Amino acid sequence: MSTGTAGQQASMEPDLSERWMFFDGEFVRECDVRIPIQTHALHNGTGVIEGIRAYWNAGRQQLYLLEVLAHYQRFHRSARIVRMAVPESAERLVAITQELLRRNDCREDTYIRPIFFKSAPLMSMNLRAMTGRLAVHTYPLGPFHDSGVGAMVSSWRRIPDAVIPARAKTTASYLNSALAKTEAVANGFDEAIMLTHDGHVCESSTCNLFLRKDGEFLTPSVTDDILEGITRRQLIGMLRDDVGQSLVERSVDRTELYAADEMFICGTGYGLVPVLSVDHTPVGDGDVGPHTRRLMELYQRAVRGEEERYGHWLLPVHP
């Protein structure tokens, strides 16, 4: 059953046609970009993406990019895994993103989507034989499910790393996520929890998962076909260093979901979102757990530049 509000953008259905984006080595208006119908990535899913957040601090009138260099380094790793080569360095992409946000005068929470895709109008499956195109665009994005979600264990299994690389953010792999999410919403839930091929808990449709059980937090191991999330890494450090909780990375069985005292999912787009029930079974007392709530509050202060010890995560955009 749905327990949270639907994920919403700060500006619903914004008109982005006149906004700037970076495409093929230059800044252009989004309305001027055309991609041929024969584009290889459209037919075959041959692209890699990244998701980056920038958070607005109204008191400081400043927009902060969150772990932007780490995201672009992962963007390069994703491309390398699937035999692609991004033409701009990670450092250069950081500078491009800063300039893009300034050109668009972004002064609200914003999402940044880089994509590198095979653009040749060919049916060849040899990725190294085709040229690629690079684009970066931005759009406003407010909080998702800030009051918590109800989840179901999906009938769709997570694609194993031996089939499509779980460590790479490929456009092809997101069909797997879309099927799981669509099934969950059609059944009255907010989110899906996916299992690995051998039945261990993996992640939600687009987020890493944490649960608290028997006095400690658990999260699936990186060998359980998860995306190695940047937000996951951040929260592991916060749990251990600031919330004072022990954290174990290991394989998690499905039945442990029903015995959990607290649970949350996390990712760049979502941030940190509590899970209040799984398959109609309440997590703990069905409310946000105290450790999860403390972590949520700390994370929100950190991403908006209000926790000095996490200042190294952030890069200011506006002069």
Protein backbone atom coordinates (compact mmCIF):
# COMPACT_ATOMS: atom_id res chain seq x y z
CA MET A 1 0.00 0.00 0.00
CA SER A 2 1.24 3.49 -0.79
CA THR A 3 2.40 5.32 2.33
CA GLY A 4 4.40 8.24 0.93
CA THR A 5 3.77 11.11 -1.40
CA ALA A 6 4.74 10.65 -5.00
CA GLY A 7 8.18 11.92 -5.94
CA GLN A 8 7.80 15.48 -7.12
CA GLN A 9 9.94 18.00 -8.88
CA ALA A 10 10.22 21.47 -7.42
CA SER A 11 8.74 22.81 -10.65
CA MET A 12 6.26 20.37 -12.13
CA GLU A 13 6.72 19.81 -15.87
CA PRO A 14 9.13 22.72 -16.31
CA ASP A 15 9.64 24.14 -19.79
CA LEU A 16 13.27 23.30 -20.47
CA SER A 17 13.31 24.12 -24.17
CA GLU A 18 15.18 27.41 -23.76
CA ARG A 19 17.57 26.16 -21.10
CA TRP A 20 21.21 25.57 -21.84
CA MET A 21 22.75 22.12 -22.10
CA PHE A 22 26.19 20.86 -23.06
CA PHE A 23 26.16 18.79 -26.25
CA ASP A 24 28.90 17.69 -28.63
CA GLY A 25 31.50 19.96 -27.09
CA GLU A 26 29.55 23.20 -26.78
CA PHE A 27 26.76 24.92 -24.86
CA VAL A 28 23.51 24.95 -26.84
CA ARG A 29 19.82 25.53 -26.19
CA GLU A 30 17.90 22.31 -25.53
CA CYS A 31 15.37 23.22 -28.21
CA ASP A 32 18.14 23.19 -30.82
CA VAL A 33 19.28 19.62 -30.15
CA ARG A 34 18.22 16.90 -32.58
CA ILE A 35 19.07 13.20 -32.34
CA PRO A 36 18.40 10.97 -35.39
CA ILE A 37 15.92 8.13 -35.07
CA GLN A 38 18.66 5.75 -36.32
CA THR A 39 20.84 6.45 -33.27
CA HIS A 40 22.40 3.17 -32.12
CA ALA A 41 21.71 3.83 -28.42
CA LEU A 42 17.99 4.24 -29.06
CA HIS A 43 17.76 0.79 -30.63
CA ASN A 44 20.30 -1.08 -28.51
CA GLY A 45 20.68 0.68 -25.16
CA THR A 46 24.34 1.47 -25.78
CA GLY A 47 24.88 4.35 -23.42
CA VAL A 48 26.07 5.20 -19.93
CA ILE A 49 24.60 7.81 -17.61
CA GLU A 50 25.24 9.47 -14.31
CA GLY A 51 22.96 11.24 -11.83
CA ILE A 52 24.27 14.23 -9.88
CA ARG A 53 22.54 16.44 -7.33
CA ALA A 54 22.97 20.11 -6.53
CA TYR A 55 21.31 21.45 -3.37
CA TRP A 56 20.17 25.03 -2.82
CA ASN A 57 20.89 26.85 0.45
CA ALA A 58 18.51 29.82 0.51
CA GLY A 59 20.17 31.47 3.51
CA ARG A 60 23.52 31.55 1.75
CA GLN A 61 22.07 32.03 -1.73
CA GLN A 62 24.35 29.23 -2.86
CA LEU A 63 23.94 26.05 -4.89
CA TYR A 64 26.17 23.15 -3.85
CA LEU A 65 27.16 20.32 -6.18
CA LEU A 66 27.32 17.09 -4.21
CA GLU A 67 30.35 14.82 -4.75
CA VAL A 68 30.45 15.95 -8.38
CA LEU A 69 33.99 14.73 -9.12
CA ALA A 70 33.23 11.27 -7.68
CA HIS A 71 30.18 11.04 -9.94
CA TYR A 72 32.15 11.90 -13.06
CA GLN A 73 34.87 9.44 -12.10
CA ARG A 74 32.16 6.75 -11.88
CA PHE A 75 30.82 7.96 -15.24
CA HIS A 76 34.24 7.25 -16.73
CA ARG A 77 34.40 3.83 -15.02
CA SER A 78 30.95 2.91 -16.36
CA ALA A 79 32.07 3.77 -19.87
CA ARG A 80 35.31 1.84 -19.52
CA ILE A 81 33.49 -1.28 -18.30
CA VAL A 82 31.34 -1.34 -21.46
CA ARG A 83 34.25 -0.50 -23.80
CA MET A 84 33.50 3.18 -24.28
CA ALA A 85 35.71 6.22 -23.75
CA VAL A 86 34.23 9.54 -22.59
CA PRO A 87 35.96 12.35 -24.55
CA GLU A 88 36.12 14.84 -21.64
CA SER A 89 38.06 14.24 -18.43
CA ALA A 90 36.22 14.03 -15.12
CA GLU A 91 37.76 17.33 -14.04
CA ARG A 92 36.70 19.05 -17.25
CA LEU A 93 33.15 17.73 -16.83
CA VAL A 94 33.04 19.27 -13.33
CA ALA A 95 33.91 22.68 -14.80
CA ILE A 96 31.35 22.22 -17.60
CA THR A 97 28.66 21.40 -15.03
CA GLN A 98 29.43 24.49 -12.96
CA GLU A 99 29.18 26.68 -16.05
CA LEU A 100 25.96 24.99 -17.16
CA LEU A 101 24.27 25.60 -13.80
CA ARG A 102 25.37 29.25 -13.89
CA ARG A 103 24.06 29.73 -17.43
CA ASN A 104 20.70 28.29 -16.35
CA ASP A 105 20.76 30.44 -13.19
CA CYS A 106 19.81 27.40 -11.12
CA ARG A 107 18.65 28.56 -7.67
CA GLU A 108 16.72 25.53 -6.44
CA ASP A 109 17.46 21.85 -5.87
CA THR A 110 18.65 20.56 -9.23
CA TYR A 111 19.40 17.25 -10.91
CA ILE A 112 22.21 16.92 -13.45
CA ARG A 113 22.11 14.11 -16.03
CA PRO A 114 25.24 13.39 -18.11
CA ILE A 115 24.88 10.79 -20.85
CA PHE A 116 27.42 9.33 -23.27
CA PHE A 117 25.87 7.21 -25.99
CA LYS A 118 26.72 5.48 -29.24
CA SER A 119 25.29 7.64 -31.99
CA ALA A 120 26.22 5.92 -35.25
CA PRO A 121 23.26 4.81 -37.43
CA LEU A 122 24.65 1.27 -37.57
CA MET A 123 23.35 -2.12 -36.51
CA SER A 124 26.83 -3.33 -35.57
CA MET A 125 27.31 -4.70 -32.05
CA ASN A 126 30.99 -3.74 -31.91
CA LEU A 127 30.99 -0.78 -29.54
CA ARG A 128 34.53 0.21 -30.40
CA ALA A 129 33.62 0.65 -34.06
CA MET A 130 31.17 3.50 -33.43
CA THR A 131 31.40 7.14 -32.48
CA GLY A 132 29.75 8.49 -29.37
CA ARG A 133 28.06 11.72 -28.30
CA LEU A 134 28.23 13.41 -24.92
CA ALA A 135 25.49 15.53 -23.36
CA VAL A 136 24.86 17.10 -19.94
CA HIS A 137 21.53 18.65 -19.02
CA THR A 138 19.87 19.89 -15.84
CA TYR A 139 16.38 20.20 -14.44
CA PRO A 140 14.75 21.19 -11.13
CA LEU A 141 14.13 18.30 -8.76
CA GLY A 142 12.60 18.49 -5.31
CA PRO A 143 12.35 15.78 -2.63
CA PHE A 144 11.03 12.28 -3.28
CA HIS A 145 8.81 10.43 -0.79
CA ASP A 146 9.94 12.57 2.11
CA SER A 147 7.46 10.92 4.51
CA GLY A 148 8.52 7.33 3.77
CA VAL A 149 7.48 4.56 1.39
CA GLY A 150 5.78 1.22 1.30
CA ALA A 151 7.71 -1.38 -0.69
CA MET A 152 7.11 -4.80 -2.18
CA VAL A 153 9.56 -7.52 -3.06
CA SER A 154 9.51 -7.54 -6.83
CA SER A 155 8.96 -10.59 -8.99
CA TRP A 156 11.63 -9.13 -11.29
CA ARG A 157 15.14 -10.19 -10.28
CA ARG A 158 18.11 -7.85 -10.49
CA ILE A 159 20.18 -8.39 -13.63
CA PRO A 160 23.38 -10.17 -12.52
CA ASP A 161 26.77 -8.58 -13.11
CA ALA A 162 27.68 -11.39 -15.49
CA VAL A 163 24.84 -10.36 -17.82
CA ILE A 164 24.86 -6.55 -17.72
CA PRO A 165 27.48 -4.95 -15.45
CA ALA A 166 25.84 -3.94 -12.17
CA ARG A 167 28.74 -1.57 -11.41
CA ALA A 168 28.10 0.43 -14.56
CA LYS A 169 25.17 2.83 -14.95
CA THR A 170 24.12 1.72 -18.41
CA THR A 171 20.99 2.87 -20.17
CA ALA A 172 20.16 -0.75 -21.03
CA SER A 173 20.07 -1.90 -17.40
CA TYR A 174 17.39 0.62 -16.44
CA LEU A 175 14.70 -1.39 -18.20
CA ASN A 176 15.16 -3.88 -15.36
CA SER A 177 14.54 -1.09 -12.85
CA ALA A 178 11.57 0.29 -14.77
CA LEU A 179 9.82 -3.08 -14.87
CA ALA A 180 10.23 -3.53 -11.11
CA LYS A 181 9.06 0.00 -10.30
CA THR A 182 6.07 -0.26 -12.65
CA GLU A 183 5.00 -3.55 -11.06
CA ALA A 184 5.23 -2.03 -7.58
CA VAL A 185 3.16 1.04 -8.43
CA ALA A 186 0.57 -1.07 -10.26
CA ASN A 187 0.16 -3.10 -7.07
CA GLY A 188 -0.33 -0.05 -4.86
CA PHE A 189 3.21 0.31 -3.50
CA ASP A 190 5.69 3.15 -3.79
CA GLU A 191 8.84 1.16 -4.42
CA ALA A 192 10.21 -2.26 -5.37
CA ILE A 193 12.90 -4.25 -3.59
CA MET A 194 14.78 -6.51 -5.98
CA LEU A 195 16.48 -9.80 -5.20
CA THR A 196 19.56 -11.27 -6.83
CA HIS A 197 19.28 -14.33 -9.05
CA ASP A 198 20.08 -16.53 -6.00
CA GLY A 199 17.46 -14.84 -3.81
CA HIS A 200 19.48 -12.39 -1.72
CA VAL A 201 18.31 -8.82 -1.18
CA CYS A 202 19.94 -6.50 -3.71
CA GLU A 203 18.51 -2.97 -3.84
CA SER A 204 15.37 -1.04 -4.70
CA SER A 205 14.56 -0.14 -8.29
CA THR A 206 17.14 2.68 -8.27
CA CYS A 207 18.50 2.91 -4.70
CA ASN A 208 20.74 1.05 -2.29
CA LEU A 209 19.10 -0.43 0.80
CA PHE A 210 19.94 -0.45 4.52
CA LEU A 211 18.11 -2.16 7.38
CA ARG A 212 18.58 -2.28 11.15
CA LYS A 213 18.19 -5.59 12.91
CA ASP A 214 19.45 -6.95 16.25
CA GLY A 215 21.11 -3.67 17.14
CA GLU A 216 23.14 -3.13 13.96
CA PHE A 217 22.67 -1.86 10.43
CA LEU A 218 23.05 -4.20 7.47
CA THR A 219 23.48 -3.44 3.79
CA PRO A 220 23.97 -5.87 0.90
CA SER A 221 27.54 -6.49 -0.14
CA VAL A 222 28.99 -5.02 -3.34
CA THR A 223 29.20 -8.60 -4.63
CA ASP A 224 25.39 -8.92 -4.54
CA ASP A 225 24.88 -7.18 -7.89
CA ILE A 226 24.35 -3.71 -6.42
CA LEU A 227 25.41 -0.42 -7.92
CA GLU A 228 28.26 0.84 -5.75
CA GLY A 229 26.42 3.97 -4.71
CA ILE A 230 28.10 7.23 -3.79
CA THR A 231 25.27 8.07 -1.36
CA ARG A 232 25.66 4.55 0.07
CA ARG A 233 29.33 5.28 0.79
CA GLN A 234 28.47 8.62 2.38
CA LEU A 235 25.86 7.11 4.68
CA ILE A 236 28.08 4.21 5.74
CA GLY A 237 30.55 6.81 7.01
CA MET A 238 27.83 8.85 8.71
CA LEU A 239 26.35 5.80 10.43
CA ARG A 240 29.67 4.75 11.86
CA ASP A 241 31.18 8.16 12.66
CA ASP A 242 28.24 10.38 13.64
CA VAL A 243 25.24 8.20 14.45
CA GLY A 244 27.38 5.71 16.37
CA GLN A 245 25.95 2.60 14.76
CA SER A 246 27.77 -0.54 13.72
CA LEU A 247 27.39 -1.42 10.05
CA VAL A 248 27.87 -4.82 8.43
CA GLU A 249 28.10 -5.35 4.68
CA ARG A 250 26.94 -8.89 3.86
CA SER A 251 24.37 -10.89 1.94
CA VAL A 252 20.87 -10.26 3.30
CA ASP A 253 18.04 -12.80 3.09
CA ARG A 254 14.51 -11.79 2.08
CA THR A 255 13.05 -12.84 5.43
CA GLU A 256 15.33 -10.37 7.20
CA LEU A 257 13.32 -7.59 5.59
CA TYR A 258 10.27 -8.65 7.59
CA ALA A 259 12.23 -8.78 10.87
CA ALA A 260 13.85 -5.36 10.50
CA ASP A 261 13.42 -2.62 13.10
CA GLU A 262 14.35 0.21 10.70
CA MET A 263 14.94 0.44 6.98
CA PHE A 264 15.78 3.05 4.38
CA ILE A 265 16.80 3.35 0.76
CA CYS A 266 19.26 5.89 -0.57
CA GLY A 267 20.56 7.27 -3.83
CA THR A 268 21.58 10.51 -5.46
CA GLY A 269 18.11 11.29 -6.80
CA TYR A 270 16.13 10.15 -3.75
CA GLY A 271 18.56 11.16 -1.03
CA LEU A 272 17.60 9.12 2.04
CA VAL A 273 14.04 7.75 2.20
CA PRO A 274 12.63 5.61 5.06
CA VAL A 275 10.91 2.33 4.20
CA LEU A 276 7.86 1.95 6.47
CA SER A 277 6.59 -1.45 5.28
CA VAL A 278 7.56 -4.38 3.06
CA ASP A 279 4.82 -6.52 1.51
CA HIS A 280 2.32 -4.89 3.91
CA THR A 281 4.47 -5.93 6.90
CA PRO A 282 5.38 -2.87 9.03
CA VAL A 283 9.05 -2.14 9.53
CA GLY A 284 9.41 -1.84 13.30
CA ASP A 285 6.36 0.08 14.52
CA GLY A 286 5.60 1.34 11.00
CA ASP A 287 7.11 4.78 11.57
CA VAL A 288 10.49 6.32 10.83
CA GLY A 289 13.03 4.79 13.23
CA PRO A 290 15.06 7.06 15.55
CA HIS A 291 18.44 6.24 14.01
CA THR A 292 17.08 6.69 10.49
CA ARG A 293 15.52 10.03 11.41
CA ARG A 294 18.77 11.27 12.92
CA LEU A 295 20.65 10.19 9.80
CA MET A 296 18.11 11.92 7.52
CA GLU A 297 18.45 15.20 9.39
CA LEU A 298 22.23 15.03 9.40
CA TYR A 299 22.38 14.21 5.70
CA GLN A 300 20.09 17.09 4.74
CA ARG A 301 22.23 19.55 6.70
CA ALA A 302 25.40 18.15 5.14
CA VAL A 303 24.27 18.40 1.50
CA ARG A 304 23.23 22.03 2.01
CA GLY A 305 26.56 23.08 3.45
CA GLU A 306 25.47 23.25 7.08
CA GLU A 307 27.82 20.59 8.47
CA GLU A 308 31.41 21.79 8.25
CA ARG A 309 32.93 18.32 8.57
CA TYR A 310 31.23 17.30 5.32
CA GLY A 311 32.21 20.42 3.44
CA HIS A 312 34.62 18.39 1.29
CA TRP A 313 31.58 16.77 -0.37
CA LEU A 314 30.43 20.10 -1.80
CA LEU A 315 31.42 22.41 -4.62
CA PRO A 316 29.79 25.88 -4.73
CA VAL A 317 28.35 26.93 -8.08
CA HIS A 318 27.64 30.65 -7.83
CA PRO A 319 30.41 33.21 -7.25
